């Protein structure tokens, strides 16, 4: 049998034994159960007011707000980098939408010239 099949067959028994150990006060077992039932958060909400990013012109103000929050210690450098990445993703989305509209407009102009 494969390792997955063996593991699946024994999983219920193992889980039961770990839960029993946790009930007996075994801290390692309680920790194992808690980590599965209540996993650690990968991030946290960032209490920073950012301006809306609806156009490419809005991006510098949003980046400035992130940099200022990092400078004041409201965000760690990694949290700031994460937010800057989100702002960059928004910028790329805006840019893609803008370029698609411009291409469509150019196509319409070419079609008008061809008529």
PDB file of N, CA and C in Angstrom:
ATOM      1  N   UNK A   1       0.844  -1.189   0.000  1.00  0.00           N
ATOM      2  CA  UNK A   1       0.000   0.000   0.000  1.00  0.00           C
ATOM      3  C   UNK A   1       0.879   1.239   0.000  1.00  0.00           C
ATOM      4  N   UNK A   2       0.335   2.308  -0.545  1.00  0.00           N
ATOM      5  CA  UNK A   2       1.103   3.551  -0.602  1.00  0.00           C
ATOM      6  C   UNK A   2       1.084   4.242   0.755  1.00  0.00           C
ATOM      7  N   UNK A   3       1.996   5.204   0.906  1.00  0.00           N
ATOM      8  CA  UNK A   3       2.069   5.947   2.162  1.00  0.00           C
ATOM      9  C   UNK A   3       0.762   6.689   2.420  1.00  0.00           C
ATOM     10  N   UNK A   4       0.154   7.240   1.346  1.00  0.00           N
ATOM     11  CA  UNK A   4      -1.118   7.951   1.520  1.00  0.00           C
ATOM     12  C   UNK A   4      -2.208   7.008   2.012  1.00  0.00           C
ATOM     13  N   UNK A   5      -2.265   5.820   1.463  1.00  0.00           N
ATOM     14  CA  UNK A   5      -3.290   4.853   1.874  1.00  0.00           C
ATOM     15  C   UNK A   5      -3.080   4.431   3.323  1.00  0.00           C
ATOM     16  N   UNK A   6      -1.819   4.189   3.699  1.00  0.00           N
ATOM     17  CA  UNK A   6      -1.531   3.826   5.086  1.00  0.00           C
ATOM     18  C   UNK A   6      -1.885   4.962   6.036  1.00  0.00           C
ATOM     19  N   UNK A   7      -1.536   6.179   5.645  1.00  0.00           N
ATOM     20  CA  UNK A   7      -1.847   7.335   6.478  1.00  0.00           C
ATOM     21  C   UNK A   7      -3.340   7.541   6.633  1.00  0.00           C
ATOM     22  N   UNK A   8      -4.084   7.388   5.552  1.00  0.00           N
ATOM     23  CA  UNK A   8      -5.533   7.571   5.605  1.00  0.00           C
ATOM     24  C   UNK A   8      -6.170   6.515   6.505  1.00  0.00           C
ATOM     25  N   UNK A   9      -5.660   5.295   6.436  1.00  0.00           N
ATOM     26  CA  UNK A   9      -6.227   4.221   7.246  1.00  0.00           C
ATOM     27  C   UNK A   9      -6.004   4.462   8.735  1.00  0.00           C
ATOM     28  N   UNK A  10      -4.886   5.046   9.088  1.00  0.00           N
ATOM     29  CA  UNK A  10      -4.560   5.252  10.500  1.00  0.00           C
ATOM     30  C   UNK A  10      -4.947   6.633  11.018  1.00  0.00           C
ATOM     31  N   UNK A  11      -5.379   7.524  10.135  1.00  0.00           N
ATOM     32  CA  UNK A  11      -5.610   8.920  10.520  1.00  0.00           C
ATOM     33  C   UNK A  11      -6.617   9.058  11.654  1.00  0.00           C
ATOM     34  N   UNK A  12      -7.740   8.382  11.564  1.00  0.00           N
ATOM     35  CA  UNK A  12      -8.776   8.517  12.600  1.00  0.00           C
ATOM     36  C   UNK A  12      -8.237   8.082  13.959  1.00  0.00           C
ATOM     37  N   UNK A  13      -7.508   6.989  13.982  1.00  0.00           N
ATOM     38  CA  UNK A  13      -6.958   6.497  15.246  1.00  0.00           C
ATOM     39  C   UNK A  13      -5.919   7.467  15.812  1.00  0.00           C
ATOM     40  N   UNK A  14      -5.076   7.999  14.948  1.00  0.00           N
ATOM     41  CA  UNK A  14      -4.047   8.933  15.395  1.00  0.00           C
ATOM     42  C   UNK A  14      -4.694  10.197  15.951  1.00  0.00           C
ATOM     43  N   UNK A  15      -5.674  10.725  15.245  1.00  0.00           N
ATOM     44  CA  UNK A  15      -6.355  11.940  15.698  1.00  0.00           C
ATOM     45  C   UNK A  15      -7.015  11.700  17.051  1.00  0.00           C
ATOM     46  N   UNK A  16      -7.661  10.563  17.193  1.00  0.00           N
ATOM     47  CA  UNK A  16      -8.308  10.228  18.468  1.00  0.00           C
ATOM     48  C   UNK A  16      -7.289  10.177  19.598  1.00  0.00           C
ATOM     49  N   UNK A  17      -6.144   9.538  19.369  1.00  0.00           N
ATOM     50  CA  UNK A  17      -5.098   9.435  20.401  1.00  0.00           C
ATOM     51  C   UNK A  17      -4.544  10.818  20.770  1.00  0.00           C
ATOM     52  N   UNK A  18      -4.355  11.687  19.774  1.00  0.00           N
ATOM     53  CA  UNK A  18      -3.829  13.032  20.053  1.00  0.00           C
ATOM     54  C   UNK A  18      -4.843  13.827  20.868  1.00  0.00           C
ATOM     55  N   UNK A  19      -6.121  13.739  20.514  1.00  0.00           N
ATOM     56  CA  UNK A  19      -7.155  14.449  21.270  1.00  0.00           C
ATOM     57  C   UNK A  19      -7.234  13.917  22.705  1.00  0.00           C
ATOM     58  N   UNK A  20      -7.131  12.610  22.870  1.00  0.00           N
ATOM     59  CA  UNK A  20      -7.130  12.033  24.220  1.00  0.00           C
ATOM     60  C   UNK A  20      -5.947  12.547  25.030  1.00  0.00           C
ATOM     61  N   UNK A  21      -4.788  12.624  24.402  1.00  0.00           N
ATOM     62  CA  UNK A  21      -3.590  13.130  25.091  1.00  0.00           C
ATOM     63  C   UNK A  21      -3.785  14.600  25.473  1.00  0.00           C
ATOM     64  N   UNK A  22      -4.403  15.372  24.602  1.00  0.00           N
ATOM     65  CA  UNK A  22      -4.665  16.780  24.916  1.00  0.00           C
ATOM     66  C   UNK A  22      -5.600  16.895  26.106  1.00  0.00           C
ATOM     67  N   UNK A  23      -6.599  16.036  26.174  1.00  0.00           N
ATOM     68  CA  UNK A  23      -7.542  16.050  27.306  1.00  0.00           C
ATOM     69  C   UNK A  23      -6.864  15.656  28.611  1.00  0.00           C
ATOM     70  N   UNK A  24      -5.810  14.840  28.524  1.00  0.00           N
ATOM     71  CA  UNK A  24      -5.060  14.452  29.723  1.00  0.00           C
ATOM     72  C   UNK A  24      -4.080  15.544  30.153  1.00  0.00           C
ATOM     73  N   UNK A  25      -4.009  16.601  29.379  1.00  0.00           N
ATOM     74  CA  UNK A  25      -3.129  17.707  29.746  1.00  0.00           C
ATOM     75  C   UNK A  25      -1.774  17.693  29.065  1.00  0.00           C
ATOM     76  N   UNK A  26      -1.580  16.824  28.105  1.00  0.00           N
ATOM     77  CA  UNK A  26      -0.308  16.787  27.361  1.00  0.00           C
ATOM     78  C   UNK A  26      -0.231  18.045  26.489  1.00  0.00           C
ATOM     79  N   UNK A  27       0.696  18.941  26.826  1.00  0.00           N
ATOM     80  CA  UNK A  27       0.755  20.226  26.135  1.00  0.00           C
ATOM     81  C   UNK A  27       1.091  20.080  24.650  1.00  0.00           C
ATOM     82  N   UNK A  28       1.951  19.130  24.283  1.00  0.00           N
ATOM     83  CA  UNK A  28       2.295  18.936  22.878  1.00  0.00           C
ATOM     84  C   UNK A  28       1.051  18.579  22.077  1.00  0.00           C
ATOM     85  N   UNK A  29       0.171  17.759  22.673  1.00  0.00           N
ATOM     86  CA  UNK A  29      -1.042  17.329  21.973  1.00  0.00           C
ATOM     87  C   UNK A  29      -2.027  18.491  21.863  1.00  0.00           C
ATOM     88  N   UNK A  30      -2.164  19.251  22.950  1.00  0.00           N
ATOM     89  CA  UNK A  30      -3.059  20.405  22.910  1.00  0.00           C
ATOM     90  C   UNK A  30      -2.598  21.393  21.849  1.00  0.00           C
ATOM     91  N   UNK A  31      -1.296  21.611  21.769  1.00  0.00           N
ATOM     92  CA  UNK A  31      -0.744  22.520  20.764  1.00  0.00           C
ATOM     93  C   UNK A  31      -1.015  22.002  19.354  1.00  0.00           C
ATOM     94  N   UNK A  32      -0.841  20.699  19.147  1.00  0.00           N
ATOM     95  CA  UNK A  32      -1.096  20.109  17.829  1.00  0.00           C
ATOM     96  C   UNK A  32      -2.557  20.284  17.425  1.00  0.00           C
ATOM     97  N   UNK A  33      -3.469  20.060  18.363  1.00  0.00           N
ATOM     98  CA  UNK A  33      -4.897  20.201  18.067  1.00  0.00           C
ATOM     99  C   UNK A  33      -5.221  21.662  17.783  1.00  0.00           C
ATOM    100  N   UNK A  34      -4.736  22.564  18.624  1.00  0.00           N
ATOM    101  CA  UNK A  34      -5.024  23.984  18.427  1.00  0.00           C
ATOM    102  C   UNK A  34      -4.484  24.511  17.101  1.00  0.00           C
ATOM    103  N   UNK A  35      -3.312  24.063  16.711  1.00  0.00           N
ATOM    104  CA  UNK A  35      -2.739  24.522  15.440  1.00  0.00           C
ATOM    105  C   UNK A  35      -3.595  24.112  14.246  1.00  0.00           C
ATOM    106  N   UNK A  36      -4.279  22.985  14.359  1.00  0.00           N
ATOM    107  CA  UNK A  36      -5.146  22.529  13.266  1.00  0.00           C
ATOM    108  C   UNK A  36      -6.518  23.183  13.314  1.00  0.00           C
ATOM    109  N   UNK A  37      -7.031  23.391  14.511  1.00  0.00           N
ATOM    110  CA  UNK A  37      -8.368  23.955  14.667  1.00  0.00           C
ATOM    111  C   UNK A  37      -8.341  25.474  14.528  1.00  0.00           C
ATOM    112  N   UNK A  38      -7.273  26.094  15.019  1.00  0.00           N
ATOM    113  CA  UNK A  38      -7.173  27.544  15.057  1.00  0.00           C
ATOM    114  C   UNK A  38      -5.785  27.952  14.559  1.00  0.00           C
ATOM    115  N   UNK A  39      -5.567  27.907  13.250  1.00  0.00           N
ATOM    116  CA  UNK A  39      -4.233  28.195  12.721  1.00  0.00           C
ATOM    117  C   UNK A  39      -3.847  29.661  12.925  1.00  0.00           C
ATOM    118  N   UNK A  40      -2.558  29.900  12.996  1.00  0.00           N
ATOM    119  CA  UNK A  40      -2.054  31.265  13.146  1.00  0.00           C
ATOM    120  C   UNK A  40      -2.394  32.070  11.896  1.00  0.00           C
ATOM    121  N   UNK A  41      -2.720  33.335  12.099  1.00  0.00           N
ATOM    122  CA  UNK A  41      -3.018  34.202  10.964  1.00  0.00           C
ATOM    123  C   UNK A  41      -1.738  34.495  10.204  1.00  0.00           C
ATOM    124  N   UNK A  42      -1.853  34.518   8.894  1.00  0.00           N
ATOM    125  CA  UNK A  42      -0.689  34.801   8.068  1.00  0.00           C
ATOM    126  C   UNK A  42      -0.402  36.307   8.016  1.00  0.00           C
ATOM    127  N   UNK A  43      -1.391  37.099   8.283  1.00  0.00           N
ATOM    128  CA  UNK A  43      -1.213  38.545   8.235  1.00  0.00           C
ATOM    129  C   UNK A  43      -2.158  39.193   9.225  1.00  0.00           C
ATOM    130  N   UNK A  44      -2.184  40.493   9.203  1.00  0.00           N
ATOM    131  CA  UNK A  44      -3.100  41.205  10.085  1.00  0.00           C
ATOM    132  C   UNK A  44      -3.675  42.383   9.313  1.00  0.00           C
ATOM    133  N   UNK A  45      -4.833  42.851   9.724  1.00  0.00           N
ATOM    134  CA  UNK A  45      -5.363  44.055   9.072  1.00  0.00           C
ATOM    135  C   UNK A  45      -4.398  45.220   9.302  1.00  0.00           C
ATOM    136  N   UNK A  46      -4.248  46.054   8.319  1.00  0.00           N
ATOM    137  CA  UNK A  46      -3.350  47.190   8.460  1.00  0.00           C
ATOM    138  C   UNK A  46      -4.164  48.451   8.699  1.00  0.00           C
ATOM    139  N   UNK A  47      -3.998  49.046   9.871  1.00  0.00           N
ATOM    140  CA  UNK A  47      -4.793  50.221  10.238  1.00  0.00           C
ATOM    141  C   UNK A  47      -4.244  51.508   9.620  1.00  0.00           C
ATOM    142  N   UNK A  48      -4.111  51.529   8.309  1.00  0.00           N
ATOM    143  CA  UNK A  48      -3.552  52.689   7.632  1.00  0.00           C
ATOM    144  C   UNK A  48      -4.563  53.195   6.617  1.00  0.00           C
ATOM    145  N   UNK A  49      -4.832  54.488   6.670  1.00  0.00           N
ATOM    146  CA  UNK A  49      -5.748  55.090   5.697  1.00  0.00           C
ATOM    147  C   UNK A  49      -4.985  55.318   4.398  1.00  0.00           C
ATOM    148  N   UNK A  50      -5.471  54.696   3.341  1.00  0.00           N
ATOM    149  CA  UNK A  50      -4.856  54.879   2.029  1.00  0.00           C
ATOM    150  C   UNK A  50      -5.837  55.599   1.118  1.00  0.00           C
ATOM    151  N   UNK A  51      -5.314  56.474   0.267  1.00  0.00           N
ATOM    152  CA  UNK A  51      -6.207  57.112  -0.692  1.00  0.00           C
ATOM    153  C   UNK A  51      -6.682  56.086  -1.720  1.00  0.00           C
ATOM    154  N   UNK A  52      -7.806  56.366  -2.318  1.00  0.00           N
ATOM    155  CA  UNK A  52      -8.343  55.489  -3.344  1.00  0.00           C
ATOM    156  C   UNK A  52      -7.416  55.487  -4.556  1.00  0.00           C
ATOM    157  N   UNK A  53      -7.242  54.336  -5.168  1.00  0.00           N
ATOM    158  CA  UNK A  53      -6.417  54.224  -6.374  1.00  0.00           C
ATOM    159  C   UNK A  53      -7.345  53.845  -7.528  1.00  0.00           C
ATOM    160  N   UNK A  54      -7.792  54.854  -8.253  1.00  0.00           N
ATOM    161  CA  UNK A  54      -8.704  54.639  -9.380  1.00  0.00           C
ATOM    162  C   UNK A  54      -8.053  54.951 -10.725  1.00  0.00           C
ATOM    163  N   UNK A  55      -7.000  55.763 -10.677  1.00  0.00           N
ATOM    164  CA  UNK A  55      -6.261  56.080 -11.897  1.00  0.00           C
ATOM    165  C   UNK A  55      -4.775  55.957 -11.580  1.00  0.00           C
ATOM    166  N   UNK A  56      -3.953  55.913 -12.626  1.00  0.00           N
ATOM    167  CA  UNK A  56      -2.506  55.833 -12.425  1.00  0.00           C
ATOM    168  C   UNK A  56      -2.001  57.057 -11.663  1.00  0.00           C
ATOM    169  N   UNK A  57      -2.679  58.187 -11.804  1.00  0.00           N
ATOM    170  CA  UNK A  57      -2.270  59.401 -11.105  1.00  0.00           C
ATOM    171  C   UNK A  57      -2.455  59.275  -9.592  1.00  0.00           C
ATOM    172  N   UNK A  58      -3.288  58.332  -9.135  1.00  0.00           N
ATOM    173  CA  UNK A  58      -3.523  58.127  -7.706  1.00  0.00           C
ATOM    174  C   UNK A  58      -2.423  57.298  -7.036  1.00  0.00           C
ATOM    175  N   UNK A  59      -1.632  56.601  -7.821  1.00  0.00           N
ATOM    176  CA  UNK A  59      -0.640  55.670  -7.281  1.00  0.00           C
ATOM    177  C   UNK A  59       0.421  56.362  -6.417  1.00  0.00           C
ATOM    178  N   UNK A  60       1.021  57.474  -6.859  1.00  0.00           N
ATOM    179  CA  UNK A  60       2.062  58.086  -6.013  1.00  0.00           C
ATOM    180  C   UNK A  60       1.568  58.465  -4.613  1.00  0.00           C
ATOM    181  N   UNK A  61       0.350  58.989  -4.499  1.00  0.00           N
ATOM    182  CA  UNK A  61      -0.168  59.358  -3.179  1.00  0.00           C
ATOM    183  C   UNK A  61      -0.346  58.121  -2.302  1.00  0.00           C
ATOM    184  N   UNK A  62      -0.791  57.021  -2.894  1.00  0.00           N
ATOM    185  CA  UNK A  62      -0.971  55.790  -2.121  1.00  0.00           C
ATOM    186  C   UNK A  62       0.378  55.249  -1.640  1.00  0.00           C
ATOM    187  N   UNK A  63       1.373  55.273  -2.512  1.00  0.00           N
ATOM    188  CA  UNK A  63       2.718  54.817  -2.125  1.00  0.00           C
ATOM    189  C   UNK A  63       3.286  55.737  -1.046  1.00  0.00           C
ATOM    190  N   UNK A  64       3.083  57.047  -1.189  1.00  0.00           N
ATOM    191  CA  UNK A  64       3.541  57.989  -0.166  1.00  0.00           C
ATOM    192  C   UNK A  64       2.907  57.685   1.190  1.00  0.00           C
ATOM    193  N   UNK A  65       1.618  57.342   1.197  1.00  0.00           N
ATOM    194  CA  UNK A  65       0.926  57.024   2.455  1.00  0.00           C
ATOM    195  C   UNK A  65       1.535  55.780   3.101  1.00  0.00           C
ATOM    196  N   UNK A  66       1.873  54.796   2.285  1.00  0.00           N
ATOM    197  CA  UNK A  66       2.495  53.572   2.810  1.00  0.00           C
ATOM    198  C   UNK A  66       3.878  53.892   3.388  1.00  0.00           C
ATOM    199  N   UNK A  67       4.668  54.633   2.634  1.00  0.00           N
ATOM    200  CA  UNK A  67       6.009  54.991   3.111  1.00  0.00           C
ATOM    201  C   UNK A  67       5.945  55.791   4.409  1.00  0.00           C
ATOM    202  N   UNK A  68       4.999  56.704   4.493  1.00  0.00           N
ATOM    203  CA  UNK A  68       4.859  57.496   5.713  1.00  0.00           C
ATOM    204  C   UNK A  68       4.471  56.613   6.894  1.00  0.00           C
ATOM    205  N   UNK A  69       3.577  55.649   6.673  1.00  0.00           N
ATOM    206  CA  UNK A  69       3.161  54.741   7.752  1.00  0.00           C
ATOM    207  C   UNK A  69       4.332  53.884   8.224  1.00  0.00           C
ATOM    208  N   UNK A  70       5.161  53.430   7.285  1.00  0.00           N
ATOM    209  CA  UNK A  70       6.355  52.669   7.672  1.00  0.00           C
ATOM    210  C   UNK A  70       7.291  53.571   8.463  1.00  0.00           C
ATOM    211  N   UNK A  71       7.472  54.806   7.993  1.00  0.00           N
ATOM    212  CA  UNK A  71       8.354  55.748   8.682  1.00  0.00           C
ATOM    213  C   UNK A  71       7.889  56.065  10.103  1.00  0.00           C
ATOM    214  N   UNK A  72       6.571  56.105  10.314  1.00  0.00           N
ATOM    215  CA  UNK A  72       6.029  56.374  11.655  1.00  0.00           C
ATOM    216  C   UNK A  72       5.996  55.120  12.530  1.00  0.00           C
ATOM    217  N   UNK A  73       6.299  53.968  11.962  1.00  0.00           N
ATOM    218  CA  UNK A  73       6.281  52.722  12.721  1.00  0.00           C
ATOM    219  C   UNK A  73       4.901  52.092  12.830  1.00  0.00           C
ATOM    220  N   UNK A  74       3.935  52.581  12.059  1.00  0.00           N
ATOM    221  CA  UNK A  74       2.591  51.992  12.072  1.00  0.00           C
ATOM    222  C   UNK A  74       2.552  50.678  11.304  1.00  0.00           C
ATOM    223  N   UNK A  75       3.455  50.531  10.356  1.00  0.00           N
ATOM    224  CA  UNK A  75       3.590  49.301   9.579  1.00  0.00           C
ATOM    225  C   UNK A  75       5.045  48.864   9.609  1.00  0.00           C
ATOM    226  N   UNK A  76       5.257  47.556   9.578  1.00  0.00           N
ATOM    227  CA  UNK A  76       6.625  47.060   9.436  1.00  0.00           C
ATOM    228  C   UNK A  76       7.032  47.231   7.973  1.00  0.00           C
ATOM    229  N   UNK A  77       8.311  47.079   7.705  1.00  0.00           N
ATOM    230  CA  UNK A  77       8.756  47.200   6.318  1.00  0.00           C
ATOM    231  C   UNK A  77       8.145  46.102   5.442  1.00  0.00           C
ATOM    232  N   UNK A  78       7.964  44.909   6.000  1.00  0.00           N
ATOM    233  CA  UNK A  78       7.361  43.837   5.186  1.00  0.00           C
ATOM    234  C   UNK A  78       5.884  44.110   4.932  1.00  0.00           C
ATOM    235  N   UNK A  79       5.176  44.670   5.920  1.00  0.00           N
ATOM    236  CA  UNK A  79       3.771  45.032   5.693  1.00  0.00           C
ATOM    237  C   UNK A  79       3.672  46.146   4.650  1.00  0.00           C
ATOM    238  N   UNK A  80       4.591  47.111   4.732  1.00  0.00           N
ATOM    239  CA  UNK A  80       4.619  48.175   3.734  1.00  0.00           C
ATOM    240  C   UNK A  80       4.884  47.639   2.349  1.00  0.00           C
ATOM    241  N   UNK A  81       5.812  46.695   2.261  1.00  0.00           N
ATOM    242  CA  UNK A  81       6.109  46.092   0.960  1.00  0.00           C
ATOM    243  C   UNK A  81       4.903  45.337   0.425  1.00  0.00           C
ATOM    244  N   UNK A  82       4.177  44.645   1.307  1.00  0.00           N
ATOM    245  CA  UNK A  82       2.964  43.940   0.874  1.00  0.00           C
ATOM    246  C   UNK A  82       1.934  44.921   0.331  1.00  0.00           C
ATOM    247  N   UNK A  83       1.720  46.023   1.039  1.00  0.00           N
ATOM    248  CA  UNK A  83       0.759  47.021   0.569  1.00  0.00           C
ATOM    249  C   UNK A  83       1.215  47.663  -0.730  1.00  0.00           C
ATOM    250  N   UNK A  84       2.503  47.943  -0.835  1.00  0.00           N
ATOM    251  CA  UNK A  84       3.026  48.515  -2.080  1.00  0.00           C
ATOM    252  C   UNK A  84       2.798  47.548  -3.242  1.00  0.00           C
ATOM    253  N   UNK A  85       2.912  46.251  -2.972  1.00  0.00           N
ATOM    254  CA  UNK A  85       2.635  45.252  -4.011  1.00  0.00           C
ATOM    255  C   UNK A  85       1.180  45.268  -4.447  1.00  0.00           C
ATOM    256  N   UNK A  86       0.280  45.472  -3.499  1.00  0.00           N
ATOM    257  CA  UNK A  86      -1.141  45.575  -3.851  1.00  0.00           C
ATOM    258  C   UNK A  86      -1.410  46.826  -4.677  1.00  0.00           C
ATOM    259  N   UNK A  87      -0.764  47.919  -4.297  1.00  0.00           N
ATOM    260  CA  UNK A  87      -0.923  49.154  -5.062  1.00  0.00           C
ATOM    261  C   UNK A  87      -0.379  48.973  -6.474  1.00  0.00           C
ATOM    262  N   UNK A  88       0.749  48.292  -6.588  1.00  0.00           N
ATOM    263  CA  UNK A  88       1.330  48.020  -7.915  1.00  0.00           C
ATOM    264  C   UNK A  88       0.399  47.139  -8.743  1.00  0.00           C
ATOM    265  N   UNK A  89      -0.239  46.173  -8.113  1.00  0.00           N
ATOM    266  CA  UNK A  89      -1.194  45.325  -8.836  1.00  0.00           C
ATOM    267  C   UNK A  89      -2.367  46.168  -9.338  1.00  0.00           C
ATOM    268  N   UNK A  90      -2.826  47.099  -8.513  1.00  0.00           N
ATOM    269  CA  UNK A  90      -3.909  47.997  -8.945  1.00  0.00           C
ATOM    270  C   UNK A  90      -3.447  48.844 -10.123  1.00  0.00           C
ATOM    271  N   UNK A  91      -2.213  49.347 -10.053  1.00  0.00           N
ATOM    272  CA  UNK A  91      -1.676  50.156 -11.156  1.00  0.00           C
ATOM    273  C   UNK A  91      -1.624  49.367 -12.447  1.00  0.00           C
ATOM    274  N   UNK A  92      -1.185  48.120 -12.361  1.00  0.00           N
ATOM    275  CA  UNK A  92      -1.127  47.286 -13.566  1.00  0.00           C
ATOM    276  C   UNK A  92      -2.525  47.050 -14.137  1.00  0.00           C
ATOM    277  N   UNK A  93      -3.493  46.837 -13.252  1.00  0.00           N
ATOM    278  CA  UNK A  93      -4.863  46.653 -13.713  1.00  0.00           C
ATOM    279  C   UNK A  93      -5.391  47.901 -14.398  1.00  0.00           C
ATOM    280  N   UNK A  94      -5.103  49.061 -13.814  1.00  0.00           N
ATOM    281  CA  UNK A  94      -5.521  50.334 -14.419  1.00  0.00           C
ATOM    282  C   UNK A  94      -4.844  50.499 -15.773  1.00  0.00           C
ATOM    283  N   UNK A  95      -3.553  50.225 -15.821  1.00  0.00           N
ATOM    284  CA  UNK A  95      -2.791  50.364 -17.057  1.00  0.00           C
ATOM    285  C   UNK A  95      -3.338  49.432 -18.141  1.00  0.00           C
ATOM    286  N   UNK A  96      -3.631  48.205 -17.775  1.00  0.00           N
ATOM    287  CA  UNK A  96      -4.169  47.251 -18.748  1.00  0.00           C
ATOM    288  C   UNK A  96      -5.505  47.727 -19.295  1.00  0.00           C
ATOM    289  N   UNK A  97      -6.367  48.206 -18.423  1.00  0.00           N
ATOM    290  CA  UNK A  97      -7.670  48.698 -18.844  1.00  0.00           C
ATOM    291  C   UNK A  97      -7.528  49.915 -19.749  1.00  0.00           C
ATOM    292  N   UNK A  98      -6.631  50.817 -19.370  1.00  0.00           N
ATOM    293  CA  UNK A  98      -6.400  52.020 -20.168  1.00  0.00           C
ATOM    294  C   UNK A  98      -5.849  51.667 -21.544  1.00  0.00           C
ATOM    295  N   UNK A  99      -4.865  50.781 -21.579  1.00  0.00           N
ATOM    296  CA  UNK A  99      -4.279  50.380 -22.863  1.00  0.00           C
ATOM    297  C   UNK A  99      -5.293  49.667 -23.741  1.00  0.00           C
ATOM    298  N   UNK A 100      -6.132  48.834 -23.151  1.00  0.00           N
ATOM    299  CA  UNK A 100      -7.158  48.139 -23.941  1.00  0.00           C
ATOM    300  C   UNK A 100      -8.123  49.144 -24.558  1.00  0.00           C
ATOM    301  N   UNK A 101      -8.489  50.171 -23.810  1.00  0.00           N
ATOM    302  CA  UNK A 101      -9.387  51.203 -24.338  1.00  0.00           C
ATOM    303  C   UNK A 101      -8.703  51.980 -25.461  1.00  0.00           C
ATOM    304  N   UNK A 102      -7.419  52.282 -25.282  1.00  0.00           N
ATOM    305  CA  UNK A 102      -6.688  53.007 -26.319  1.00  0.00           C
ATOM    306  C   UNK A 102      -6.552  52.180 -27.590  1.00  0.00           C
ATOM    307  N   UNK A 103      -6.285  50.894 -27.463  1.00  0.00           N
ATOM    308  CA  UNK A 103      -6.182  50.010 -28.629  1.00  0.00           C
ATOM    309  C   UNK A 103      -7.527  49.942 -29.345  1.00  0.00           C
ATOM    310  N   UNK A 104      -8.595  49.812 -28.608  1.00  0.00           N
ATOM    311  CA  UNK A 104      -9.933  49.768 -29.218  1.00  0.00           C
ATOM    312  C   UNK A 104     -10.219  51.070 -29.963  1.00  0.00           C
ATOM    313  N   UNK A 105      -9.832  52.196 -29.364  1.00  0.00           N
ATOM    314  CA  UNK A 105     -10.039  53.490 -30.017  1.00  0.00           C
ATOM    315  C   UNK A 105      -9.222  53.582 -31.301  1.00  0.00           C
ATOM    316  N   UNK A 106      -7.967  53.147 -31.251  1.00  0.00           N
ATOM    317  CA  UNK A 106      -7.129  53.158 -32.458  1.00  0.00           C
ATOM    318  C   UNK A 106      -7.707  52.257 -33.546  1.00  0.00           C
ATOM    319  N   UNK A 107      -8.230  51.120 -33.172  1.00  0.00           N
ATOM    320  CA  UNK A 107      -8.858  50.222 -34.159  1.00  0.00           C
ATOM    321  C   UNK A 107     -10.059  50.897 -34.814  1.00  0.00           C
ATOM    322  N   UNK A 108     -10.862  51.595 -34.018  1.00  0.00           N
ATOM    323  CA  UNK A 108     -12.011  52.311 -34.580  1.00  0.00           C
ATOM    324  C   UNK A 108     -11.546  53.393 -35.552  1.00  0.00           C
ATOM    325  N   UNK A 109     -10.470  54.097 -35.186  1.00  0.00           N
ATOM    326  CA  UNK A 109      -9.944  55.143 -36.067  1.00  0.00           C
ATOM    327  C   UNK A 109      -9.440  54.552 -37.382  1.00  0.00           C
ATOM    328  N   UNK A 110      -8.737  53.420 -37.299  1.00  0.00           N
ATOM    329  CA  UNK A 110      -8.243  52.757 -38.509  1.00  0.00           C
ATOM    330  C   UNK A 110      -9.411  52.325 -39.389  1.00  0.00           C
ATOM    331  N   UNK A 111     -10.440  51.766 -38.781  1.00  0.00           N
ATOM    332  CA  UNK A 111     -11.614  51.351 -39.552  1.00  0.00           C
ATOM    333  C   UNK A 111     -12.282  52.549 -40.230  1.00  0.00           C
ATOM    334  N   UNK A 112     -12.320  53.683 -39.554  1.00  0.00           N
ATOM    335  CA  UNK A 112     -12.908  54.884 -40.144  1.00  0.00           C
ATOM    336  C   UNK A 112     -12.088  55.354 -41.334  1.00  0.00           C
ATOM    337  N   UNK A 113     -10.777  55.279 -41.222  1.00  0.00           N
ATOM    338  CA  UNK A 113      -9.887  55.700 -42.313  1.00  0.00           C
ATOM    339  C   UNK A 113     -10.062  54.765 -43.512  1.00  0.00           C
ATOM    340  N   UNK A 114     -10.227  53.483 -43.257  1.00  0.00           N
ATOM    341  CA  UNK A 114     -10.385  52.493 -44.341  1.00  0.00           C
ATOM    342  C   UNK A 114     -11.687  52.623 -45.092  1.00  0.00           C
ATOM    343  N   UNK A 115     -12.669  53.256 -44.512  1.00  0.00           N
ATOM    344  CA  UNK A 115     -13.995  53.369 -45.161  1.00  0.00           C
ATOM    345  C   UNK A 115     -13.981  54.307 -46.299  1.00  0.00           C
TER     346      UNK A 115
END
